[in-house]
C-alpha atoms as a PDB file:
ATOM      1  CA  UNK A   1     -77.175 -33.019   8.699  1.00  0.00           C
ATOM      2  CA  UNK A   2     -79.804 -31.545   6.350  1.00  0.00           C
ATOM      3  CA  UNK A   3     -81.005 -34.034   3.763  1.00  0.00           C
ATOM      4  CA  UNK A   4     -81.146 -31.366   1.039  1.00  0.00           C
ATOM      5  CA  UNK A   5     -77.517 -30.380   1.727  1.00  0.00           C
ATOM      6  CA  UNK A   6     -76.459 -34.019   1.486  1.00  0.00           C
ATOM      7  CA  UNK A   7     -78.288 -34.232  -1.858  1.00  0.00           C
ATOM      8  CA  UNK A   8     -76.547 -31.089  -3.142  1.00  0.00           C
ATOM      9  CA  UNK A   9     -73.125 -32.472  -2.170  1.00  0.00           C
ATOM     10  CA  UNK A  10     -73.892 -35.719  -3.961  1.00  0.00           C
ATOM     11  CA  UNK A  11     -74.869 -33.775  -7.095  1.00  0.00           C
ATOM     12  CA  UNK A  12     -71.503 -32.006  -6.985  1.00  0.00           C
ATOM     13  CA  UNK A  13     -69.582 -35.240  -6.498  1.00  0.00           C
ATOM     14  CA  UNK A  14     -71.552 -37.398  -8.954  1.00  0.00           C
ATOM     15  CA  UNK A  15     -72.826 -35.109 -11.719  1.00  0.00           C
ATOM     16  CA  UNK A  16     -69.998 -32.577 -11.725  1.00  0.00           C
ATOM     17  CA  UNK A  17     -66.876 -34.433 -10.565  1.00  0.00           C
ATOM     18  CA  UNK A  18     -67.857 -37.924 -11.719  1.00  0.00           C
ATOM     19  CA  UNK A  19     -66.691 -39.475  -8.448  1.00  0.00           C
ATOM     20  CA  UNK A  20     -66.401 -43.270  -8.653  1.00  0.00           C
ATOM     21  CA  UNK A  21     -66.374 -45.987  -6.038  1.00  0.00           C
ATOM     22  CA  UNK A  22     -62.952 -46.461  -4.500  1.00  0.00           C
ATOM     23  CA  UNK A  23     -61.532 -43.104  -5.571  1.00  0.00           C
ATOM     24  CA  UNK A  24     -59.731 -41.021  -2.964  1.00  0.00           C
ATOM     25  CA  UNK A  25     -61.525 -37.729  -2.382  1.00  0.00           C
ATOM     26  CA  UNK A  26     -59.727 -35.036  -0.383  1.00  0.00           C
ATOM     27  CA  UNK A  27     -62.007 -32.420   1.162  1.00  0.00           C
ATOM     28  CA  UNK A  28     -59.982 -29.354   2.160  1.00  0.00           C
ATOM     29  CA  UNK A  29     -61.908 -27.085   4.515  1.00  0.00           C
ATOM     30  CA  UNK A  30     -61.301 -24.442   7.154  1.00  0.00           C
ATOM     31  CA  UNK A  31     -62.896 -23.641  10.485  1.00  0.00           C
ATOM     32  CA  UNK A  32     -65.607 -21.239   9.174  1.00  0.00           C
ATOM     33  CA  UNK A  33     -66.797 -23.841   6.629  1.00  0.00           C
ATOM     34  CA  UNK A  34     -66.172 -27.035   8.576  1.00  0.00           C
ATOM     35  CA  UNK A  35     -69.851 -28.103   8.489  1.00  0.00           C
ATOM     36  CA  UNK A  36     -69.933 -27.970   4.684  1.00  0.00           C
ATOM     37  CA  UNK A  37     -66.598 -29.778   4.483  1.00  0.00           C
ATOM     38  CA  UNK A  38     -67.988 -32.539   6.661  1.00  0.00           C
ATOM     39  CA  UNK A  39     -71.123 -32.732   4.474  1.00  0.00           C
ATOM     40  CA  UNK A  40     -68.928 -33.403   1.448  1.00  0.00           C
ATOM     41  CA  UNK A  41     -66.920 -35.942   3.450  1.00  0.00           C
ATOM     42  CA  UNK A  42     -70.093 -37.838   4.336  1.00  0.00           C
ATOM     43  CA  UNK A  43     -71.489 -37.605   0.801  1.00  0.00           C
ATOM     44  CA  UNK A  44     -68.276 -38.998  -0.680  1.00  0.00           C
ATOM     45  CA  UNK A  45     -68.414 -41.915   1.738  1.00  0.00           C
ATOM     46  CA  UNK A  46     -72.025 -42.634   0.777  1.00  0.00           C
ATOM     47  CA  UNK A  47     -70.894 -43.004  -2.854  1.00  0.00           C
ATOM     48  CA  UNK A  48     -68.346 -45.661  -1.950  1.00  0.00           C
ATOM     49  CA  UNK A  49     -65.358 -43.349  -2.347  1.00  0.00           C
ATOM     50  CA  UNK A  50     -62.447 -43.088   0.111  1.00  0.00           C
ATOM     51  CA  UNK A  51     -62.925 -39.630   1.624  1.00  0.00           C
ATOM     52  CA  UNK A  52     -60.286 -37.709   3.551  1.00  0.00           C
ATOM     53  CA  UNK A  53     -60.954 -34.478   5.452  1.00  0.00           C
ATOM     54  CA  UNK A  54     -58.262 -31.836   5.965  1.00  0.00           C
ATOM     55  CA  UNK A  55     -59.122 -28.953   8.303  1.00  0.00           C
ATOM     56  CA  UNK A  56     -56.983 -25.799   8.360  1.00  0.00           C
ATOM     57  CA  UNK A  57     -57.144 -22.234   9.611  1.00  0.00           C
ATOM     58  CA  UNK A  58     -58.620 -19.776   7.082  1.00  0.00           C
ATOM     59  CA  UNK A  59     -56.341 -17.755   4.817  1.00  0.00           C
ATOM     60  CA  UNK A  60     -56.212 -13.979   5.221  1.00  0.00           C
ATOM     61  CA  UNK A  61     -57.356 -13.293   1.639  1.00  0.00           C
ATOM     62  CA  UNK A  62     -58.500 -15.194  -1.443  1.00  0.00           C
ATOM     63  CA  UNK A  63     -55.591 -16.426  -3.553  1.00  0.00           C
ATOM     64  CA  UNK A  64     -53.197 -16.823  -0.606  1.00  0.00           C
ATOM     65  CA  UNK A  65     -51.362 -20.154  -0.634  1.00  0.00           C
ATOM     66  CA  UNK A  66     -52.475 -22.858   1.818  1.00  0.00           C
ATOM     67  CA  UNK A  67     -49.950 -24.641   4.074  1.00  0.00           C
ATOM     68  CA  UNK A  68     -47.490 -26.762   2.076  1.00  0.00           C
ATOM     69  CA  UNK A  69     -49.017 -29.984   3.400  1.00  0.00           C
ATOM     70  CA  UNK A  70     -52.349 -29.134   1.780  1.00  0.00           C
ATOM     71  CA  UNK A  71     -50.805 -28.877  -1.664  1.00  0.00           C
ATOM     72  CA  UNK A  72     -48.847 -32.097  -1.169  1.00  0.00           C
ATOM     73  CA  UNK A  73     -51.972 -34.007  -0.133  1.00  0.00           C
ATOM     74  CA  UNK A  74     -54.106 -32.532  -2.904  1.00  0.00           C
ATOM     75  CA  UNK A  75     -51.691 -33.745  -5.586  1.00  0.00           C
ATOM     76  CA  UNK A  76     -51.963 -37.352  -4.373  1.00  0.00           C
ATOM     77  CA  UNK A  77     -55.713 -37.997  -4.743  1.00  0.00           C
ATOM     78  CA  UNK A  78     -58.100 -38.365  -7.668  1.00  0.00           C
ATOM     79  CA  UNK A  79     -60.713 -35.804  -6.563  1.00  0.00           C
ATOM     80  CA  UNK A  80     -60.355 -32.586  -4.569  1.00  0.00           C
ATOM     81  CA  UNK A  81     -63.086 -30.462  -2.979  1.00  0.00           C
ATOM     82  CA  UNK A  82     -61.910 -27.053  -1.721  1.00  0.00           C
ATOM     83  CA  UNK A  83     -64.625 -25.950   0.713  1.00  0.00           C
ATOM     84  CA  UNK A  84     -62.866 -22.933   2.236  1.00  0.00           C
ATOM     85  CA  UNK A  85     -63.932 -19.461   3.323  1.00  0.00           C
ATOM     86  CA  UNK A  86     -61.188 -17.812   1.221  1.00  0.00           C
ATOM     87  CA  UNK A  87     -60.612 -19.049  -2.319  1.00  0.00           C
ATOM     88  CA  UNK A  88     -57.804 -21.494  -3.105  1.00  0.00           C
ATOM     89  CA  UNK A  89     -58.732 -21.460  -6.808  1.00  0.00           C
ATOM     90  CA  UNK A  90     -55.931 -19.154  -7.923  1.00  0.00           C
ATOM     91  CA  UNK A  91     -53.093 -20.737  -5.951  1.00  0.00           C
ATOM     92  CA  UNK A  92     -49.991 -22.625  -6.966  1.00  0.00           C
ATOM     93  CA  UNK A  93     -51.125 -25.572  -4.829  1.00  0.00           C
ATOM     94  CA  UNK A  94     -54.331 -25.920  -6.841  1.00  0.00           C
ATOM     95  CA  UNK A  95     -52.584 -25.463 -10.208  1.00  0.00           C
ATOM     96  CA  UNK A  96     -49.968 -28.100  -9.394  1.00  0.00           C
ATOM     97  CA  UNK A  97     -52.654 -30.623  -8.409  1.00  0.00           C
ATOM     98  CA  UNK A  98     -54.586 -29.893 -11.597  1.00  0.00           C
ATOM     99  CA  UNK A  99     -51.393 -30.402 -13.626  1.00  0.00           C
ATOM    100  CA  UNK A 100     -51.038 -33.993 -12.356  1.00  0.00           C
ATOM    101  CA  UNK A 101     -54.649 -34.850 -13.203  1.00  0.00           C
ATOM    102  CA  UNK A 102     -56.625 -34.230 -10.007  1.00  0.00           C
ATOM    103  CA  UNK A 103     -60.264 -33.278 -10.646  1.00  0.00           C
ATOM    104  CA  UNK A 104     -60.997 -30.285  -8.422  1.00  0.00           C
ATOM    105  CA  UNK A 105     -64.050 -28.263  -7.414  1.00  0.00           C
ATOM    106  CA  UNK A 106     -63.558 -25.054  -5.453  1.00  0.00           C
ATOM    107  CA  UNK A 107     -66.395 -23.634  -3.315  1.00  0.00           C
ATOM    108  CA  UNK A 108     -64.968 -20.552  -1.574  1.00  0.00           C
ATOM    109  CA  UNK A 109     -67.393 -18.964   0.859  1.00  0.00           C
ATOM    110  CA  UNK A 110     -70.261 -21.289  -0.044  1.00  0.00           C
ATOM    111  CA  UNK A 111     -73.258 -21.525   2.274  1.00  0.00           C
ATOM    112  CA  UNK A 112     -75.691 -24.367   2.746  1.00  0.00           C
ATOM    113  CA  UNK A 113     -78.533 -22.385   1.165  1.00  0.00           C
ATOM    114  CA  UNK A 114     -76.374 -21.461  -1.811  1.00  0.00           C
ATOM    115  CA  UNK A 115     -75.455 -25.064  -2.541  1.00  0.00           C
ATOM    116  CA  UNK A 116     -79.020 -26.294  -2.109  1.00  0.00           C
ATOM    117  CA  UNK A 117     -80.325 -23.573  -4.440  1.00  0.00           C
ATOM    118  CA  UNK A 118     -77.682 -23.278  -7.165  1.00  0.00           C
ATOM    119  CA  UNK A 119     -76.230 -26.794  -7.584  1.00  0.00           C
ATOM    120  CA  UNK A 120     -79.364 -28.590  -8.905  1.00  0.00           C
ATOM    121  CA  UNK A 121     -79.415 -27.109 -12.442  1.00  0.00           C
ATOM    122  CA  UNK A 122     -79.528 -28.598 -15.950  1.00  0.00           C
ATOM    123  CA  UNK A 123     -75.802 -28.898 -16.564  1.00  0.00           C
ATOM    124  CA  UNK A 124     -76.232 -29.753 -20.249  1.00  0.00           C
ATOM    125  CA  UNK A 125     -78.007 -26.463 -20.987  1.00  0.00           C
ATOM    126  CA  UNK A 126     -75.622 -24.536 -18.725  1.00  0.00           C
ATOM    127  CA  UNK A 127     -72.581 -25.918 -20.538  1.00  0.00           C
ATOM    128  CA  UNK A 128     -74.037 -25.002 -23.938  1.00  0.00           C
ATOM    129  CA  UNK A 129     -74.540 -21.395 -22.795  1.00  0.00           C
ATOM    130  CA  UNK A 130     -71.073 -21.155 -21.300  1.00  0.00           C
ATOM    131  CA  UNK A 131     -69.449 -22.592 -24.429  1.00  0.00           C
ATOM    132  CA  UNK A 132     -71.279 -20.125 -26.672  1.00  0.00           C
ATOM    133  CA  UNK A 133     -69.951 -17.097 -24.774  1.00  0.00           C
ATOM    134  CA  UNK A 134     -66.462 -18.556 -24.350  1.00  0.00           C
ATOM    135  CA  UNK A 135     -66.204 -19.109 -28.104  1.00  0.00           C
ATOM    136  CA  UNK A 136     -67.291 -15.532 -28.763  1.00  0.00           C
ATOM    137  CA  UNK A 137     -64.612 -14.238 -26.387  1.00  0.00           C
ATOM    138  CA  UNK A 138     -61.939 -16.456 -27.943  1.00  0.00           C
ATOM    139  CA  UNK A 139     -62.717 -15.065 -31.386  1.00  0.00           C
ATOM    140  CA  UNK A 140     -62.844 -11.444 -30.229  1.00  0.00           C
ATOM    141  CA  UNK A 141     -60.252  -8.685 -30.135  1.00  0.00           C
ATOM    142  CA  UNK A 142     -61.674  -5.980 -27.866  1.00  0.00           C
ATOM    143  CA  UNK A 143     -64.406  -5.721 -25.254  1.00  0.00           C
ATOM    144  CA  UNK A 144     -66.202  -2.564 -24.153  1.00  0.00           C
ATOM    145  CA  UNK A 145     -68.114  -2.842 -20.873  1.00  0.00           C
ATOM    146  CA  UNK A 146     -70.661  -0.280 -19.687  1.00  0.00           C
ATOM    147  CA  UNK A 147     -73.222  -0.156 -16.881  1.00  0.00           C
ATOM    148  CA  UNK A 148     -75.798   2.269 -15.427  1.00  0.00           C
ATOM    149  CA  UNK A 149     -73.518   2.554 -12.392  1.00  0.00           C
ATOM    150  CA  UNK A 150     -70.848   4.305 -14.447  1.00  0.00           C
ATOM    151  CA  UNK A 151     -68.582   1.564 -15.820  1.00  0.00           C
ATOM    152  CA  UNK A 152     -66.901   2.412 -19.123  1.00  0.00           C
ATOM    153  CA  UNK A 153     -64.035  -0.014 -19.563  1.00  0.00           C
ATOM    154  CA  UNK A 154     -62.126  -1.112 -22.672  1.00  0.00           C
ATOM    155  CA  UNK A 155     -60.235  -4.434 -22.519  1.00  0.00           C
ATOM    156  CA  UNK A 156     -58.041  -6.098 -25.139  1.00  0.00           C
ATOM    157  CA  UNK A 157     -58.545  -9.868 -25.440  1.00  0.00           C
ATOM    158  CA  UNK A 158     -56.969 -10.722 -28.799  1.00  0.00           C
ATOM    159  CA  UNK A 159     -55.005 -13.982 -28.646  1.00  0.00           C
ATOM    160  CA  UNK A 160     -56.525 -15.030 -25.339  1.00  0.00           C
ATOM    161  CA  UNK A 161     -58.800 -18.050 -24.932  1.00  0.00           C
ATOM    162  CA  UNK A 162     -62.226 -17.993 -23.309  1.00  0.00           C
ATOM    163  CA  UNK A 163     -62.737 -20.473 -20.490  1.00  0.00           C
ATOM    164  CA  UNK A 164     -65.915 -21.975 -19.114  1.00  0.00           C
ATOM    165  CA  UNK A 165     -66.975 -22.881 -15.605  1.00  0.00           C
ATOM    166  CA  UNK A 166     -69.991 -25.060 -16.373  1.00  0.00           C
ATOM    167  CA  UNK A 167     -69.800 -27.786 -13.749  1.00  0.00           C
ATOM    168  CA  UNK A 168     -68.313 -30.479 -16.016  1.00  0.00           C
ATOM    169  CA  UNK A 169     -65.271 -31.611 -14.042  1.00  0.00           C
ATOM    170  CA  UNK A 170     -65.117 -35.278 -15.039  1.00  0.00           C
ATOM    171  CA  UNK A 171     -61.902 -35.284 -17.101  1.00  0.00           C
ATOM    172  CA  UNK A 172     -58.523 -35.697 -15.365  1.00  0.00           C
ATOM    173  CA  UNK A 173     -57.100 -32.280 -14.574  1.00  0.00           C
ATOM    174  CA  UNK A 174     -60.482 -30.551 -14.675  1.00  0.00           C
ATOM    175  CA  UNK A 175     -61.001 -27.573 -12.403  1.00  0.00           C
ATOM    176  CA  UNK A 176     -63.864 -25.197 -11.712  1.00  0.00           C
ATOM    177  CA  UNK A 177     -66.016 -23.448  -9.148  1.00  0.00           C
ATOM    178  CA  UNK A 178     -69.243 -24.820  -7.756  1.00  0.00           C
ATOM    179  CA  UNK A 179     -71.885 -23.522  -8.014  1.00  0.00           C
ATOM    180  CA  UNK A 180     -70.962 -23.187 -11.693  1.00  0.00           C
ATOM    181  CA  UNK A 181     -72.096 -20.971 -14.508  1.00  0.00           C
ATOM    182  CA  UNK A 182     -69.726 -18.513 -16.160  1.00  0.00           C
ATOM    183  CA  UNK A 183     -67.588 -17.848 -19.211  1.00  0.00           C
ATOM    184  CA  UNK A 184     -64.419 -15.851 -18.625  1.00  0.00           C
ATOM    185  CA  UNK A 185     -61.216 -14.621 -20.202  1.00  0.00           C
ATOM    186  CA  UNK A 186     -57.965 -13.009 -19.051  1.00  0.00           C
ATOM    187  CA  UNK A 187     -57.590  -9.610 -20.756  1.00  0.00           C
ATOM    188  CA  UNK A 188     -54.208  -8.916 -22.288  1.00  0.00           C
ATOM    189  CA  UNK A 189     -52.021  -7.263 -19.676  1.00  0.00           C
ATOM    190  CA  UNK A 190     -51.719  -3.502 -20.077  1.00  0.00           C
ATOM    191  CA  UNK A 191     -54.792  -3.094 -22.302  1.00  0.00           C
ATOM    192  CA  UNK A 192     -57.583  -2.308 -19.818  1.00  0.00           C
ATOM    193  CA  UNK A 193     -58.449   1.373 -19.824  1.00  0.00           C
ATOM    194  CA  UNK A 194     -61.287   3.419 -18.346  1.00  0.00           C
ATOM    195  CA  UNK A 195     -63.540   3.323 -15.312  1.00  0.00           C
ATOM    196  CA  UNK A 196     -64.801   0.240 -13.480  1.00  0.00           C
ATOM    197  CA  UNK A 197     -67.707   0.645 -11.048  1.00  0.00           C
ATOM    198  CA  UNK A 198     -68.487  -2.404  -8.911  1.00  0.00           C
ATOM    199  CA  UNK A 199     -72.025  -2.057  -7.555  1.00  0.00           C
ATOM    200  CA  UNK A 200     -73.137  -5.628  -6.795  1.00  0.00           C
ATOM    201  CA  UNK A 201     -70.621  -7.248  -4.496  1.00  0.00           C
ATOM    202  CA  UNK A 202     -66.875  -7.434  -4.034  1.00  0.00           C
ATOM    203  CA  UNK A 203     -64.812 -10.422  -2.967  1.00  0.00           C
ATOM    204  CA  UNK A 204     -63.431  -9.925   0.516  1.00  0.00           C
ATOM    205  CA  UNK A 205     -66.123  -7.335   1.311  1.00  0.00           C
ATOM    206  CA  UNK A 206     -69.545  -8.723   0.335  1.00  0.00           C
ATOM    207  CA  UNK A 207     -72.697  -6.831  -0.645  1.00  0.00           C
ATOM    208  CA  UNK A 208     -71.921  -3.174  -1.310  1.00  0.00           C
ATOM    209  CA  UNK A 209     -73.795  -0.345   0.356  1.00  0.00           C
ATOM    210  CA  UNK A 210     -71.958   2.131  -1.869  1.00  0.00           C
ATOM    211  CA  UNK A 211     -70.352   1.425  -5.267  1.00  0.00           C
ATOM    212  CA  UNK A 212     -66.597   1.086  -5.539  1.00  0.00           C
ATOM    213  CA  UNK A 213     -65.201   3.141  -8.417  1.00  0.00           C
ATOM    214  CA  UNK A 214     -61.805   2.283  -9.892  1.00  0.00           C
ATOM    215  CA  UNK A 215     -59.818   4.265 -12.421  1.00  0.00           C
ATOM    216  CA  UNK A 216     -57.916   1.921 -14.730  1.00  0.00           C
ATOM    217  CA  UNK A 217     -54.873   2.836 -16.813  1.00  0.00           C
ATOM    218  CA  UNK A 218     -52.675   0.505 -18.868  1.00  0.00           C
ATOM    219  CA  UNK A 219     -54.248  -2.581 -17.329  1.00  0.00           C
ATOM    220  CA  UNK A 220     -53.875  -1.513 -13.702  1.00  0.00           C
ATOM    221  CA  UNK A 221     -56.143  -0.020 -11.046  1.00  0.00           C
ATOM    222  CA  UNK A 222     -54.504   3.312 -10.299  1.00  0.00           C
ATOM    223  CA  UNK A 223     -57.175   4.851  -8.072  1.00  0.00           C
ATOM    224  CA  UNK A 224     -59.979   3.491  -5.886  1.00  0.00           C
ATOM    225  CA  UNK A 225     -62.824   5.839  -4.969  1.00  0.00           C
ATOM    226  CA  UNK A 226     -65.954   5.595  -2.832  1.00  0.00           C
ATOM    227  CA  UNK A 227     -66.840   5.191   0.821  1.00  0.00           C
ATOM    228  CA  UNK A 228     -65.738   2.860   3.565  1.00  0.00           C
ATOM    229  CA  UNK A 229     -65.960  -0.205   1.335  1.00  0.00           C
ATOM    230  CA  UNK A 230     -63.582   1.393  -1.168  1.00  0.00           C
ATOM    231  CA  UNK A 231     -61.175   2.042   1.692  1.00  0.00           C
ATOM    232  CA  UNK A 232     -61.568  -1.597   2.761  1.00  0.00           C
ATOM    233  CA  UNK A 233     -60.534  -2.710  -0.723  1.00  0.00           C
ATOM    234  CA  UNK A 234     -57.478  -0.447  -0.539  1.00  0.00           C
ATOM    235  CA  UNK A 235     -56.510  -2.074   2.759  1.00  0.00           C
ATOM    236  CA  UNK A 236     -57.004  -5.547   1.275  1.00  0.00           C
ATOM    237  CA  UNK A 237     -54.701  -4.797  -1.647  1.00  0.00           C
ATOM    238  CA  UNK A 238     -52.034  -2.815   0.200  1.00  0.00           C
ATOM    239  CA  UNK A 239     -49.835  -5.740   1.368  1.00  0.00           C
ATOM    240  CA  UNK A 240     -49.604  -7.414  -2.041  1.00  0.00           C
ATOM    241  CA  UNK A 241     -47.811  -4.988  -4.341  1.00  0.00           C
ATOM    242  CA  UNK A 242     -48.685  -3.700  -7.802  1.00  0.00           C
ATOM    243  CA  UNK A 243     -49.566  -7.124  -9.251  1.00  0.00           C
ATOM    244  CA  UNK A 244     -52.642  -7.203  -7.009  1.00  0.00           C
ATOM    245  CA  UNK A 245     -54.041  -4.254  -8.995  1.00  0.00           C
ATOM    246  CA  UNK A 246     -53.854  -6.006 -12.358  1.00  0.00           C
ATOM    247  CA  UNK A 247     -57.134  -6.264 -14.303  1.00  0.00           C
ATOM    248  CA  UNK A 248     -57.129 -10.034 -14.305  1.00  0.00           C
ATOM    249  CA  UNK A 249     -60.463 -11.348 -15.558  1.00  0.00           C
ATOM    250  CA  UNK A 250     -63.641 -10.553 -17.418  1.00  0.00           C
ATOM    251  CA  UNK A 251     -66.443 -12.984 -16.584  1.00  0.00           C
ATOM    252  CA  UNK A 252     -70.071 -13.425 -17.664  1.00  0.00           C
ATOM    253  CA  UNK A 253     -72.578 -14.941 -15.214  1.00  0.00           C
ATOM    254  CA  UNK A 254     -74.908 -17.617 -16.682  1.00  0.00           C
ATOM    255  CA  UNK A 255     -76.452 -19.658 -13.839  1.00  0.00           C
ATOM    256  CA  UNK A 256     -80.247 -19.107 -13.813  1.00  0.00           C
ATOM    257  CA  UNK A 257     -80.611 -20.347 -10.216  1.00  0.00           C
ATOM    258  CA  UNK A 258     -77.958 -18.049  -8.723  1.00  0.00           C
ATOM    259  CA  UNK A 259     -78.791 -14.758  -7.037  1.00  0.00           C
ATOM    260  CA  UNK A 260     -76.928 -11.837  -5.489  1.00  0.00           C
ATOM    261  CA  UNK A 261     -76.283 -12.633  -1.821  1.00  0.00           C
ATOM    262  CA  UNK A 262     -72.945 -10.984  -1.038  1.00  0.00           C
ATOM    263  CA  UNK A 263     -71.070 -14.243  -1.582  1.00  0.00           C
ATOM    264  CA  UNK A 264     -69.070 -13.640  -4.756  1.00  0.00           C
ATOM    265  CA  UNK A 265     -68.868 -17.361  -5.513  1.00  0.00           C
ATOM    266  CA  UNK A 266     -72.586 -17.237  -6.311  1.00  0.00           C
ATOM    267  CA  UNK A 267     -72.894 -13.553  -7.231  1.00  0.00           C
ATOM    268  CA  UNK A 268     -70.469 -13.850 -10.162  1.00  0.00           C
ATOM    269  CA  UNK A 269     -72.598 -16.688 -11.607  1.00  0.00           C
ATOM    270  CA  UNK A 270     -75.876 -14.718 -11.633  1.00  0.00           C
ATOM    271  CA  UNK A 271     -77.279 -14.695 -15.152  1.00  0.00           C
ATOM    272  CA  UNK A 272     -77.142 -11.217 -16.674  1.00  0.00           C
ATOM    273  CA  UNK A 273     -74.213  -9.938 -14.578  1.00  0.00           C
ATOM    274  CA  UNK A 274     -70.578  -9.360 -15.479  1.00  0.00           C
ATOM    275  CA  UNK A 275     -67.639  -9.527 -13.103  1.00  0.00           C
ATOM    276  CA  UNK A 276     -64.150  -8.104 -13.358  1.00  0.00           C
ATOM    277  CA  UNK A 277     -61.372  -9.425 -11.140  1.00  0.00           C
ATOM    278  CA  UNK A 278     -58.098  -7.871 -10.048  1.00  0.00           C
ATOM    279  CA  UNK A 279     -54.887  -9.686  -9.170  1.00  0.00           C
ATOM    280  CA  UNK A 280     -53.803 -13.151 -10.287  1.00  0.00           C
ATOM    281  CA  UNK A 281     -54.738 -14.497 -13.723  1.00  0.00           C
ATOM    282  CA  UNK A 282     -52.262 -17.327 -14.315  1.00  0.00           C
ATOM    283  CA  UNK A 283     -55.002 -19.919 -13.825  1.00  0.00           C
ATOM    284  CA  UNK A 284     -56.732 -19.066 -17.109  1.00  0.00           C
ATOM    285  CA  UNK A 285     -54.115 -17.911 -19.557  1.00  0.00           C
ATOM    286  CA  UNK A 286     -52.762 -14.678 -18.093  1.00  0.00           C
ATOM    287  CA  UNK A 287     -49.218 -13.679 -17.193  1.00  0.00           C
ATOM    288  CA  UNK A 288     -49.625 -12.171 -13.710  1.00  0.00           C
ATOM    289  CA  UNK A 289     -49.030 -14.238 -10.598  1.00  0.00           C
ATOM    290  CA  UNK A 290     -50.228 -12.507  -7.445  1.00  0.00           C
ATOM    291  CA  UNK A 291     -51.189 -13.746  -3.963  1.00  0.00           C
ATOM    292  CA  UNK A 292     -54.721 -12.396  -4.403  1.00  0.00           C
ATOM    293  CA  UNK A 293     -57.649 -12.634  -6.843  1.00  0.00           C
ATOM    294  CA  UNK A 294     -60.702 -10.488  -6.068  1.00  0.00           C
ATOM    295  CA  UNK A 295     -63.863 -10.428  -8.202  1.00  0.00           C
ATOM    296  CA  UNK A 296     -66.221  -7.456  -8.397  1.00  0.00           C
ATOM    297  CA  UNK A 297     -69.771  -7.911  -9.724  1.00  0.00           C
ATOM    298  CA  UNK A 298     -71.326  -5.311 -12.028  1.00  0.00           C
ATOM    299  CA  UNK A 299     -75.123  -5.046 -12.209  1.00  0.00           C
ATOM    300  CA  UNK A 300     -77.162  -4.471 -15.397  1.00  0.00           C
ATOM    301  CA  UNK A 301     -74.112  -4.383 -17.686  1.00  0.00           C
ATOM    302  CA  UNK A 302     -73.895  -4.054 -21.439  1.00  0.00           C
ATOM    303  CA  UNK A 303     -71.037  -5.939 -23.049  1.00  0.00           C
ATOM    304  CA  UNK A 304     -69.845  -5.140 -26.556  1.00  0.00           C
ATOM    305  CA  UNK A 305     -67.471  -7.430 -28.436  1.00  0.00           C
ATOM    306  CA  UNK A 306     -65.730  -5.784 -31.399  1.00  0.00           C
ATOM    307  CA  UNK A 307     -68.574  -3.290 -31.515  1.00  0.00           C
ATOM    308  CA  UNK A 308     -71.413  -5.837 -31.347  1.00  0.00           C
ATOM    309  CA  UNK A 309     -73.662  -6.079 -28.277  1.00  0.00           C
ATOM    310  CA  UNK A 310     -73.487  -9.626 -26.880  1.00  0.00           C
ATOM    311  CA  UNK A 311     -74.993  -9.054 -23.427  1.00  0.00           C
ATOM    312  CA  UNK A 312     -77.463  -6.543 -22.030  1.00  0.00           C
END
């Protein structure tokens, strides 16, 4: 096992999750990410914790529930690491474990290089940045997002709370992604209106050769335009009903070590980018529960809050 990967896993367990000697740590992984799951298993053991490793088949799409036994096991430990190829972040199993106090880090689609590069950051500075943007979003009423690629999207956020994903997962019931580095909010359902052009990467697809253009009306994606990748997104959404087309999240990337690689887990954290997700938003204050949550990264955005430029 690579020494630098072992070090990155220890950073996640110690600095982010606050793992203590004797705590039970459940590492949930799937076959495509088994090597990273085992790295976390070994790192937890080296810290004197009681690690458990649960290997499953990958889900078909991010946000799909894991087998019932995974949720049951996750709710019975102190620390959970979700090292899976498809995200379990926006699942009932994860939410129920969080509700009973499990500290959870989710690393969907992570690679060894990503963890080695983007985990060793100054978490104090990162948290300050994330808090600043989250507070701005909490106080705001309306967001207007533009980009050179053609995005012109209005979103209502009044009454919603901004959340941070800054790597501080030490309190019981804490949850976040690793690598960390974003502030996000769930727009009020039915308020998003305009055009969204994703030109960085798209969850479930990866790096985009051609932008995906979405027409948004009353909070829902009503048309998807573009090339083969746009058609791939249509196929991804087709089995999951209208809720999968909900404009679910507005997020601001703030991790200075992250870079665009085609892995949305890292791409959405890249400082200076914005991402908009469709599908489920129950995990951070929204009202839509869907079996899918897909983030799209927008490059070189400008973000206006109540008419004031806050990014770009």
